[in-house]
Amino acid sequence: MVASRLVPLLRAAALPALRRGLHTSTPRASADAWAYRTAPPAPSKFTLVKAEALMAFMWWWVLYHLITEPEHITGEFPYPDPSKWTNEELGIPADDED
């Protein structure tokens, strides 16, 4: 009985304190325009051109180096031919051993 009456009193006392800390109408330490529930401002044409140029250069760099230096993907040394390995190198015991 006491608990059922105490909970609403505690809730009523705590809610104003919680609401005081929430501010959604003013920006805090923001460098851009306030964009609460709205789309952010569109980037400038110069920024879009710079981003496209940087992306094109990055893809050129990656693809050029994949074509001219495939060792980055395939490895630096040629893969050994497993058919030329001996049983001893592979760790296979001799047939006459028990």
PDB file of N, CA and C in Angstrom:
ATOM      1  N   MET A   1       0.828  -1.179   0.000  1.00  0.00           N
ATOM      2  CA  MET A   1       0.000   0.000   0.000  1.00  0.00           C
ATOM      3  C   MET A   1       0.875   1.246   0.000  1.00  0.00           C
ATOM      4  N   VAL A   2       1.902   1.254   0.821  1.00  0.00           N
ATOM      5  CA  VAL A   2       2.788   2.418   0.892  1.00  0.00           C
ATOM      6  C   VAL A   2       3.559   2.567  -0.414  1.00  0.00           C
ATOM      7  N   ALA A   3       3.978   1.430  -0.970  1.00  0.00           N
ATOM      8  CA  ALA A   3       4.739   1.474  -2.214  1.00  0.00           C
ATOM      9  C   ALA A   3       3.889   1.996  -3.359  1.00  0.00           C
ATOM     10  N   SER A   4       2.634   1.651  -3.412  1.00  0.00           N
ATOM     11  CA  SER A   4       1.773   2.107  -4.498  1.00  0.00           C
ATOM     12  C   SER A   4       1.550   3.617  -4.434  1.00  0.00           C
ATOM     13  N   ARG A   5       1.647   4.200  -3.260  1.00  0.00           N
ATOM     14  CA  ARG A   5       1.492   5.653  -3.135  1.00  0.00           C
ATOM     15  C   ARG A   5       2.834   6.367  -3.248  1.00  0.00           C
ATOM     16  N   LEU A   6       3.905   5.666  -2.976  1.00  0.00           N
ATOM     17  CA  LEU A   6       5.229   6.277  -3.008  1.00  0.00           C
ATOM     18  C   LEU A   6       5.761   6.418  -4.432  1.00  0.00           C
ATOM     19  N   VAL A   7       5.462   5.466  -5.296  1.00  0.00           N
ATOM     20  CA  VAL A   7       5.979   5.486  -6.662  1.00  0.00           C
ATOM     21  C   VAL A   7       5.509   6.719  -7.423  1.00  0.00           C
ATOM     22  N   PRO A   8       4.218   7.072  -7.432  1.00  0.00           N
ATOM     23  CA  PRO A   8       3.816   8.293  -8.152  1.00  0.00           C
ATOM     24  C   PRO A   8       4.443   9.559  -7.574  1.00  0.00           C
ATOM     25  N   LEU A   9       4.650   9.591  -6.266  1.00  0.00           N
ATOM     26  CA  LEU A   9       5.281  10.770  -5.667  1.00  0.00           C
ATOM     27  C   LEU A   9       6.739  10.899  -6.105  1.00  0.00           C
ATOM     28  N   LEU A  10       7.463   9.780  -6.117  1.00  0.00           N
ATOM     29  CA  LEU A  10       8.849   9.816  -6.578  1.00  0.00           C
ATOM     30  C   LEU A  10       8.933  10.186  -8.054  1.00  0.00           C
ATOM     31  N   ARG A  11       8.018   9.644  -8.858  1.00  0.00           N
ATOM     32  CA  ARG A  11       7.990   9.956 -10.274  1.00  0.00           C
ATOM     33  C   ARG A  11       7.715  11.443 -10.490  1.00  0.00           C
ATOM     34  N   ALA A  12       6.802  11.994  -9.769  1.00  0.00           N
ATOM     35  CA  ALA A  12       6.458  13.408  -9.906  1.00  0.00           C
ATOM     36  C   ALA A  12       7.613  14.290  -9.463  1.00  0.00           C
ATOM     37  N   ALA A  13       8.386  13.846  -8.487  1.00  0.00           N
ATOM     38  CA  ALA A  13       9.518  14.642  -8.012  1.00  0.00           C
ATOM     39  C   ALA A  13      10.707  14.533  -8.959  1.00  0.00           C
ATOM     40  N   ALA A  14      10.871  13.395  -9.636  1.00  0.00           N
ATOM     41  CA  ALA A  14      12.038  13.182 -10.485  1.00  0.00           C
ATOM     42  C   ALA A  14      11.845  13.742 -11.885  1.00  0.00           C
ATOM     43  N   LEU A  15      10.638  13.782 -12.433  1.00  0.00           N
ATOM     44  CA  LEU A  15      10.428  14.211 -13.813  1.00  0.00           C
ATOM     45  C   LEU A  15      10.849  15.651 -14.077  1.00  0.00           C
ATOM     46  N   PRO A  16      10.532  16.612 -13.218  1.00  0.00           N
ATOM     47  CA  PRO A  16      10.995  17.981 -13.510  1.00  0.00           C
ATOM     48  C   PRO A  16      12.524  18.080 -13.539  1.00  0.00           C
ATOM     49  N   ALA A  17      13.200  17.322 -12.704  1.00  0.00           N
ATOM     50  CA  ALA A  17      14.662  17.349 -12.701  1.00  0.00           C
ATOM     51  C   ALA A  17      15.210  16.747 -13.992  1.00  0.00           C
ATOM     52  N   LEU A  18      14.557  15.712 -14.501  1.00  0.00           N
ATOM     53  CA  LEU A  18      14.998  15.103 -15.751  1.00  0.00           C
ATOM     54  C   LEU A  18      14.717  16.010 -16.936  1.00  0.00           C
ATOM     55  N   ARG A  19      13.601  16.660 -16.918  1.00  0.00           N
ATOM     56  CA  ARG A  19      13.222  17.527 -18.040  1.00  0.00           C
ATOM     57  C   ARG A  19      14.096  18.767 -18.114  1.00  0.00           C
ATOM     58  N   ARG A  20      14.638  19.208 -17.008  1.00  0.00           N
ATOM     59  CA  ARG A  20      15.476  20.404 -17.003  1.00  0.00           C
ATOM     60  C   ARG A  20      16.737  20.233 -17.834  1.00  0.00           C
ATOM     61  N   GLY A  21      17.265  19.009 -17.905  1.00  0.00           N
ATOM     62  CA  GLY A  21      18.506  18.776 -18.622  1.00  0.00           C
ATOM     63  C   GLY A  21      18.327  18.580 -20.117  1.00  0.00           C
ATOM     64  N   LEU A  22      17.109  18.404 -20.592  1.00  0.00           N
ATOM     65  CA  LEU A  22      16.878  18.170 -22.013  1.00  0.00           C
ATOM     66  C   LEU A  22      16.541  19.473 -22.719  1.00  0.00           C
ATOM     67  N   HIS A  23      17.380  19.821 -23.677  1.00  0.00           N
ATOM     68  CA  HIS A  23      17.129  21.010 -24.485  1.00  0.00           C
ATOM     69  C   HIS A  23      17.243  20.603 -25.941  1.00  0.00           C
ATOM     70  N   THR A  24      16.151  20.675 -26.676  1.00  0.00           N
ATOM     71  CA  THR A  24      16.194  20.304 -28.084  1.00  0.00           C
ATOM     72  C   THR A  24      15.977  21.495 -28.995  1.00  0.00           C
ATOM     73  N   SER A  25      15.880  22.668 -28.454  1.00  0.00           N
ATOM     74  CA  SER A  25      15.571  23.817 -29.297  1.00  0.00           C
ATOM     75  C   SER A  25      16.777  24.709 -29.570  1.00  0.00           C
ATOM     76  N   THR A  26      17.899  24.466 -28.919  1.00  0.00           N
ATOM     77  CA  THR A  26      19.072  25.306 -29.167  1.00  0.00           C
ATOM     78  C   THR A  26      20.279  24.434 -29.488  1.00  0.00           C
ATOM     79  N   PRO A  27      21.091  24.824 -30.477  1.00  0.00           N
ATOM     80  CA  PRO A  27      22.286  24.033 -30.795  1.00  0.00           C
ATOM     81  C   PRO A  27      23.377  24.258 -29.763  1.00  0.00           C
ATOM     82  N   ARG A  28      24.218  23.224 -29.557  1.00  0.00           N
ATOM     83  CA  ARG A  28      25.319  23.327 -28.600  1.00  0.00           C
ATOM     84  C   ARG A  28      26.627  23.089 -29.321  1.00  0.00           C
ATOM     85  N   ALA A  29      27.509  24.051 -29.324  1.00  0.00           N
ATOM     86  CA  ALA A  29      28.842  23.937 -29.904  1.00  0.00           C
ATOM     87  C   ALA A  29      28.774  23.383 -31.323  1.00  0.00           C
ATOM     88  N   SER A  30      27.907  23.928 -32.132  1.00  0.00           N
ATOM     89  CA  SER A  30      27.740  23.452 -33.494  1.00  0.00           C
ATOM     90  C   SER A  30      28.330  24.458 -34.461  1.00  0.00           C
ATOM     91  N   ALA A  31      29.038  23.953 -35.454  1.00  0.00           N
ATOM     92  CA  ALA A  31      29.644  24.837 -36.438  1.00  0.00           C
ATOM     93  C   ALA A  31      28.719  25.052 -37.629  1.00  0.00           C
ATOM     94  N   ASP A  32      27.821  24.110 -37.907  1.00  0.00           N
ATOM     95  CA  ASP A  32      26.913  24.216 -39.041  1.00  0.00           C
ATOM     96  C   ASP A  32      25.582  24.794 -38.612  1.00  0.00           C
ATOM     97  N   ALA A  33      24.709  24.920 -39.586  1.00  0.00           N
ATOM     98  CA  ALA A  33      23.363  25.399 -39.299  1.00  0.00           C
ATOM     99  C   ALA A  33      22.619  24.358 -38.474  1.00  0.00           C
ATOM    100  N   TRP A  34      21.674  24.795 -37.703  1.00  0.00           N
ATOM    101  CA  TRP A  34      20.896  23.898 -36.854  1.00  0.00           C
ATOM    102  C   TRP A  34      20.007  23.050 -37.752  1.00  0.00           C
ATOM    103  N   ALA A  35      20.072  21.721 -37.593  1.00  0.00           N
ATOM    104  CA  ALA A  35      19.355  20.808 -38.481  1.00  0.00           C
ATOM    105  C   ALA A  35      18.534  19.793 -37.697  1.00  0.00           C
ATOM    106  N   TYR A  36      17.838  20.237 -36.697  1.00  0.00           N
ATOM    107  CA  TYR A  36      17.030  19.313 -35.906  1.00  0.00           C
ATOM    108  C   TYR A  36      15.763  18.973 -36.686  1.00  0.00           C
ATOM    109  N   ARG A  37      15.624  17.714 -37.037  1.00  0.00           N
ATOM    110  CA  ARG A  37      14.486  17.188 -37.788  1.00  0.00           C
ATOM    111  C   ARG A  37      14.329  17.833 -39.155  1.00  0.00           C
ATOM    112  N   THR A  38      15.390  18.323 -39.704  1.00  0.00           N
ATOM    113  CA  THR A  38      15.390  18.836 -41.075  1.00  0.00           C
ATOM    114  C   THR A  38      16.634  18.312 -41.771  1.00  0.00           C
ATOM    115  N   ALA A  39      16.638  18.414 -43.075  1.00  0.00           N
ATOM    116  CA  ALA A  39      17.801  17.967 -43.839  1.00  0.00           C
ATOM    117  C   ALA A  39      18.968  18.917 -43.598  1.00  0.00           C
ATOM    118  N   PRO A  40      20.188  18.398 -43.548  1.00  0.00           N
ATOM    119  CA  PRO A  40      21.334  19.287 -43.380  1.00  0.00           C
ATOM    120  C   PRO A  40      21.531  20.122 -44.645  1.00  0.00           C
ATOM    121  N   PRO A  41      22.266  21.208 -44.544  1.00  0.00           N
ATOM    122  CA  PRO A  41      22.475  22.040 -45.727  1.00  0.00           C
ATOM    123  C   PRO A  41      23.251  21.278 -46.806  1.00  0.00           C
ATOM    124  N   ALA A  42      22.915  21.532 -48.052  1.00  0.00           N
ATOM    125  CA  ALA A  42      23.568  20.845 -49.166  1.00  0.00           C
ATOM    126  C   ALA A  42      25.012  21.321 -49.299  1.00  0.00           C
ATOM    127  N   PRO A  43      25.933  20.411 -49.656  1.00  0.00           N
ATOM    128  CA  PRO A  43      27.322  20.836 -49.846  1.00  0.00           C
ATOM    129  C   PRO A  43      27.451  21.695 -51.099  1.00  0.00           C
ATOM    130  N   SER A  44      28.501  22.476 -51.140  1.00  0.00           N
ATOM    131  CA  SER A  44      28.704  23.352 -52.287  1.00  0.00           C
ATOM    132  C   SER A  44      29.144  22.542 -53.498  1.00  0.00           C
ATOM    133  N   LYS A  45      29.021  23.143 -54.665  1.00  0.00           N
ATOM    134  CA  LYS A  45      29.421  22.483 -55.914  1.00  0.00           C
ATOM    135  C   LYS A  45      30.919  22.175 -55.886  1.00  0.00           C
ATOM    136  N   PHE A  46      31.715  23.077 -55.340  1.00  0.00           N
ATOM    137  CA  PHE A  46      33.165  22.872 -55.260  1.00  0.00           C
ATOM    138  C   PHE A  46      33.497  21.656 -54.392  1.00  0.00           C
ATOM    139  N   THR A  47      32.782  21.475 -53.299  1.00  0.00           N
ATOM    140  CA  THR A  47      33.002  20.318 -52.428  1.00  0.00           C
ATOM    141  C   THR A  47      32.656  19.022 -53.154  1.00  0.00           C
ATOM    142  N   LEU A  48      31.578  19.013 -53.920  1.00  0.00           N
ATOM    143  CA  LEU A  48      31.204  17.830 -54.682  1.00  0.00           C
ATOM    144  C   LEU A  48      32.244  17.485 -55.744  1.00  0.00           C
ATOM    145  N   VAL A  49      32.779  18.499 -56.420  1.00  0.00           N
ATOM    146  CA  VAL A  49      33.811  18.266 -57.436  1.00  0.00           C
ATOM    147  C   VAL A  49      35.075  17.724 -56.784  1.00  0.00           C
ATOM    148  N   LYS A  50      35.462  18.276 -55.642  1.00  0.00           N
ATOM    149  CA  LYS A  50      36.647  17.768 -54.930  1.00  0.00           C
ATOM    150  C   LYS A  50      36.450  16.315 -54.519  1.00  0.00           C
ATOM    151  N   ALA A  51      35.265  15.967 -54.026  1.00  0.00           N
ATOM    152  CA  ALA A  51      34.997  14.598 -53.599  1.00  0.00           C
ATOM    153  C   ALA A  51      35.053  13.638 -54.780  1.00  0.00           C
ATOM    154  N   GLU A  52      34.471  14.022 -55.919  1.00  0.00           N
ATOM    155  CA  GLU A  52      34.515  13.181 -57.117  1.00  0.00           C
ATOM    156  C   GLU A  52      35.945  12.999 -57.610  1.00  0.00           C
ATOM    157  N   ALA A  53      36.740  14.074 -57.603  1.00  0.00           N
ATOM    158  CA  ALA A  53      38.128  13.983 -58.062  1.00  0.00           C
ATOM    159  C   ALA A  53      38.942  13.080 -57.138  1.00  0.00           C
ATOM    160  N   LEU A  54      38.740  13.202 -55.849  1.00  0.00           N
ATOM    161  CA  LEU A  54      39.467  12.369 -54.897  1.00  0.00           C
ATOM    162  C   LEU A  54      39.066  10.902 -55.053  1.00  0.00           C
ATOM    163  N   MET A  55      37.788  10.643 -55.265  1.00  0.00           N
ATOM    164  CA  MET A  55      37.333   9.271 -55.451  1.00  0.00           C
ATOM    165  C   MET A  55      37.892   8.685 -56.750  1.00  0.00           C
ATOM    166  N   ALA A  56      37.909   9.458 -57.823  1.00  0.00           N
ATOM    167  CA  ALA A  56      38.454   8.975 -59.095  1.00  0.00           C
ATOM    168  C   ALA A  56      39.937   8.668 -58.955  1.00  0.00           C
ATOM    169  N   PHE A  57      40.686   9.531 -58.271  1.00  0.00           N
ATOM    170  CA  PHE A  57      42.110   9.289 -58.059  1.00  0.00           C
ATOM    171  C   PHE A  57      42.331   8.037 -57.220  1.00  0.00           C
ATOM    172  N   MET A  58      41.531   7.848 -56.193  1.00  0.00           N
ATOM    173  CA  MET A  58      41.681   6.665 -55.335  1.00  0.00           C
ATOM    174  C   MET A  58      41.451   5.385 -56.122  1.00  0.00           C
ATOM    175  N   TRP A  59      40.388   5.335 -56.936  1.00  0.00           N
ATOM    176  CA  TRP A  59      40.117   4.133 -57.715  1.00  0.00           C
ATOM    177  C   TRP A  59      41.177   3.911 -58.780  1.00  0.00           C
ATOM    178  N   TRP A  60      41.674   4.985 -59.391  1.00  0.00           N
ATOM    179  CA  TRP A  60      42.768   4.833 -60.350  1.00  0.00           C
ATOM    180  C   TRP A  60      43.980   4.217 -59.663  1.00  0.00           C
ATOM    181  N   TRP A  61      44.313   4.716 -58.489  1.00  0.00           N
ATOM    182  CA  TRP A  61      45.470   4.220 -57.735  1.00  0.00           C
ATOM    183  C   TRP A  61      45.328   2.726 -57.421  1.00  0.00           C
ATOM    184  N   VAL A  62      44.170   2.336 -56.930  1.00  0.00           N
ATOM    185  CA  VAL A  62      43.951   0.939 -56.559  1.00  0.00           C
ATOM    186  C   VAL A  62      44.008   0.028 -57.792  1.00  0.00           C
ATOM    187  N   LEU A  63      43.269   0.361 -58.830  1.00  0.00           N
ATOM    188  CA  LEU A  63      43.217  -0.497 -60.014  1.00  0.00           C
ATOM    189  C   LEU A  63      44.550  -0.527 -60.748  1.00  0.00           C
ATOM    190  N   TYR A  64      45.237   0.603 -60.853  1.00  0.00           N
ATOM    191  CA  TYR A  64      46.538   0.645 -61.513  1.00  0.00           C
ATOM    192  C   TYR A  64      47.534  -0.270 -60.799  1.00  0.00           C
ATOM    193  N   HIS A  65      47.552  -0.205 -59.479  1.00  0.00           N
ATOM    194  CA  HIS A  65      48.509  -1.029 -58.742  1.00  0.00           C
ATOM    195  C   HIS A  65      48.101  -2.505 -58.712  1.00  0.00           C
ATOM    196  N   LEU A  66      46.824  -2.799 -58.823  1.00  0.00           N
ATOM    197  CA  LEU A  66      46.422  -4.201 -58.941  1.00  0.00           C
ATOM    198  C   LEU A  66      46.847  -4.781 -60.289  1.00  0.00           C
ATOM    199  N   ILE A  67      46.805  -3.980 -61.333  1.00  0.00           N
ATOM    200  CA  ILE A  67      47.193  -4.448 -62.665  1.00  0.00           C
ATOM    201  C   ILE A  67      48.707  -4.539 -62.791  1.00  0.00           C
ATOM    202  N   THR A  68      49.423  -3.547 -62.308  1.00  0.00           N
ATOM    203  CA  THR A  68      50.882  -3.526 -62.503  1.00  0.00           C
ATOM    204  C   THR A  68      51.649  -4.292 -61.441  1.00  0.00           C
ATOM    205  N   GLU A  69      51.072  -4.500 -60.275  1.00  0.00           N
ATOM    206  CA  GLU A  69      51.759  -5.219 -59.195  1.00  0.00           C
ATOM    207  C   GLU A  69      50.818  -6.257 -58.577  1.00  0.00           C
ATOM    208  N   PRO A  70      50.510  -7.345 -59.294  1.00  0.00           N
ATOM    209  CA  PRO A  70      49.562  -8.327 -58.756  1.00  0.00           C
ATOM    210  C   PRO A  70      50.127  -9.111 -57.571  1.00  0.00           C
ATOM    211  N   GLU A  71      51.397  -8.934 -57.259  1.00  0.00           N
ATOM    212  CA  GLU A  71      51.989  -9.641 -56.118  1.00  0.00           C
ATOM    213  C   GLU A  71      51.336  -9.233 -54.799  1.00  0.00           C
ATOM    214  N   HIS A  72      50.711  -8.066 -54.774  1.00  0.00           N
ATOM    215  CA  HIS A  72      50.024  -7.638 -53.549  1.00  0.00           C
ATOM    216  C   HIS A  72      48.863  -8.581 -53.229  1.00  0.00           C
ATOM    217  N   ILE A  73      48.289  -9.181 -54.261  1.00  0.00           N
ATOM    218  CA  ILE A  73      47.172 -10.092 -54.069  1.00  0.00           C
ATOM    219  C   ILE A  73      47.632 -11.551 -54.101  1.00  0.00           C
ATOM    220  N   THR A  74      48.452 -11.903 -55.082  1.00  0.00           N
ATOM    221  CA  THR A  74      48.827 -13.304 -55.293  1.00  0.00           C
ATOM    222  C   THR A  74      50.018 -13.745 -54.458  1.00  0.00           C
ATOM    223  N   GLY A  75      50.760 -12.840 -53.924  1.00  0.00           N
ATOM    224  CA  GLY A  75      51.942 -13.183 -53.151  1.00  0.00           C
ATOM    225  C   GLY A  75      53.214 -12.866 -53.935  1.00  0.00           C
ATOM    226  N   GLU A  76      54.315 -12.767 -53.227  1.00  0.00           N
ATOM    227  CA  GLU A  76      55.551 -12.332 -53.859  1.00  0.00           C
ATOM    228  C   GLU A  76      56.271 -13.467 -54.579  1.00  0.00           C
ATOM    229  N   PHE A  77      56.175 -14.681 -54.066  1.00  0.00           N
ATOM    230  CA  PHE A  77      56.909 -15.805 -54.621  1.00  0.00           C
ATOM    231  C   PHE A  77      55.962 -16.741 -55.351  1.00  0.00           C
ATOM    232  N   PRO A  78      56.460 -17.468 -56.354  1.00  0.00           N
ATOM    233  CA  PRO A  78      55.589 -18.417 -57.059  1.00  0.00           C
ATOM    234  C   PRO A  78      55.168 -19.561 -56.133  1.00  0.00           C
ATOM    235  N   TYR A  79      53.979 -20.067 -56.341  1.00  0.00           N
ATOM    236  CA  TYR A  79      53.462 -21.146 -55.506  1.00  0.00           C
ATOM    237  C   TYR A  79      54.184 -22.439 -55.875  1.00  0.00           C
ATOM    238  N   PRO A  80      54.682 -23.190 -54.889  1.00  0.00           N
ATOM    239  CA  PRO A  80      55.409 -24.430 -55.201  1.00  0.00           C
ATOM    240  C   PRO A  80      54.468 -25.505 -55.751  1.00  0.00           C
ATOM    241  N   ASP A  81      55.037 -26.387 -56.598  1.00  0.00           N
ATOM    242  CA  ASP A  81      54.259 -27.469 -57.184  1.00  0.00           C
ATOM    243  C   ASP A  81      54.179 -28.624 -56.186  1.00  0.00           C
ATOM    244  N   PRO A  82      52.979 -28.929 -55.642  1.00  0.00           N
ATOM    245  CA  PRO A  82      52.872 -29.981 -54.623  1.00  0.00           C
ATOM    246  C   PRO A  82      53.201 -31.378 -55.154  1.00  0.00           C
ATOM    247  N   SER A  83      53.130 -31.581 -56.468  1.00  0.00           N
ATOM    248  CA  SER A  83      53.433 -32.918 -57.001  1.00  0.00           C
ATOM    249  C   SER A  83      54.918 -33.249 -56.888  1.00  0.00           C
ATOM    250  N   LYS A  84      55.768 -32.271 -56.681  1.00  0.00           N
ATOM    251  CA  LYS A  84      57.208 -32.501 -56.574  1.00  0.00           C
ATOM    252  C   LYS A  84      57.664 -32.687 -55.123  1.00  0.00           C
ATOM    253  N   TRP A  85      56.767 -32.595 -54.157  1.00  0.00           N
ATOM    254  CA  TRP A  85      57.140 -32.779 -52.758  1.00  0.00           C
ATOM    255  C   TRP A  85      57.287 -34.261 -52.459  1.00  0.00           C
ATOM    256  N   THR A  86      58.230 -34.565 -51.586  1.00  0.00           N
ATOM    257  CA  THR A  86      58.429 -35.963 -51.186  1.00  0.00           C
ATOM    258  C   THR A  86      57.549 -36.278 -49.982  1.00  0.00           C
ATOM    259  N   ASN A  87      57.366 -37.566 -49.710  1.00  0.00           N
ATOM    260  CA  ASN A  87      56.590 -37.991 -48.546  1.00  0.00           C
ATOM    261  C   ASN A  87      57.228 -37.500 -47.258  1.00  0.00           C
ATOM    262  N   GLU A  88      58.539 -37.449 -47.218  1.00  0.00           N
ATOM    263  CA  GLU A  88      59.236 -36.991 -46.013  1.00  0.00           C
ATOM    264  C   GLU A  88      58.949 -35.515 -45.766  1.00  0.00           C
ATOM    265  N   GLU A  89      58.926 -34.715 -46.823  1.00  0.00           N
ATOM    266  CA  GLU A  89      58.613 -33.289 -46.678  1.00  0.00           C
ATOM    267  C   GLU A  89      57.178 -33.061 -46.227  1.00  0.00           C
ATOM    268  N   LEU A  90      56.297 -33.944 -46.655  1.00  0.00           N
ATOM    269  CA  LEU A  90      54.894 -33.825 -46.280  1.00  0.00           C
ATOM    270  C   LEU A  90      54.593 -34.444 -44.915  1.00  0.00           C
ATOM    271  N   GLY A  91      55.561 -35.173 -44.347  1.00  0.00           N
ATOM    272  CA  GLY A  91      55.353 -35.794 -43.042  1.00  0.00           C
ATOM    273  C   GLY A  91      54.610 -37.117 -43.118  1.00  0.00           C
ATOM    274  N   ILE A  92      54.619 -37.740 -44.269  1.00  0.00           N
ATOM    275  CA  ILE A  92      53.937 -39.020 -44.442  1.00  0.00           C
ATOM    276  C   ILE A  92      54.940 -40.138 -44.113  1.00  0.00           C
ATOM    277  N   PRO A  93      54.607 -41.048 -43.204  1.00  0.00           N
ATOM    278  CA  PRO A  93      55.557 -42.115 -42.865  1.00  0.00           C
ATOM    279  C   PRO A  93      55.714 -43.097 -44.033  1.00  0.00           C
ATOM    280  N   ALA A  94      56.843 -43.805 -44.051  1.00  0.00           N
ATOM    281  CA  ALA A  94      57.115 -44.785 -45.107  1.00  0.00           C
ATOM    282  C   ALA A  94      56.106 -45.925 -45.036  1.00  0.00           C
ATOM    283  N   ASP A  95      55.915 -46.630 -46.144  1.00  0.00           N
ATOM    284  CA  ASP A  95      54.938 -47.721 -46.203  1.00  0.00           C
ATOM    285  C   ASP A  95      55.340 -48.915 -45.340  1.00  0.00           C
ATOM    286  N   ASP A  96      56.651 -49.154 -45.168  1.00  0.00           N
ATOM    287  CA  ASP A  96      57.083 -50.323 -44.402  1.00  0.00           C
ATOM    288  C   ASP A  96      57.102 -50.083 -42.902  1.00  0.00           C
ATOM    289  N   GLU A  97      56.841 -48.861 -42.442  1.00  0.00           N
ATOM    290  CA  GLU A  97      56.826 -48.568 -40.998  1.00  0.00           C
ATOM    291  C   GLU A  97      55.493 -48.974 -40.398  1.00  0.00           C
ATOM    292  N   ASP A  98      55.527 -49.487 -39.170  1.00  0.00           N
ATOM    293  CA  ASP A  98      54.293 -49.827 -38.455  1.00  0.00           C
ATOM    294  C   ASP A  98      54.194 -49.113 -37.148  1.00  0.00           C
TER     295      ASP A  98
END
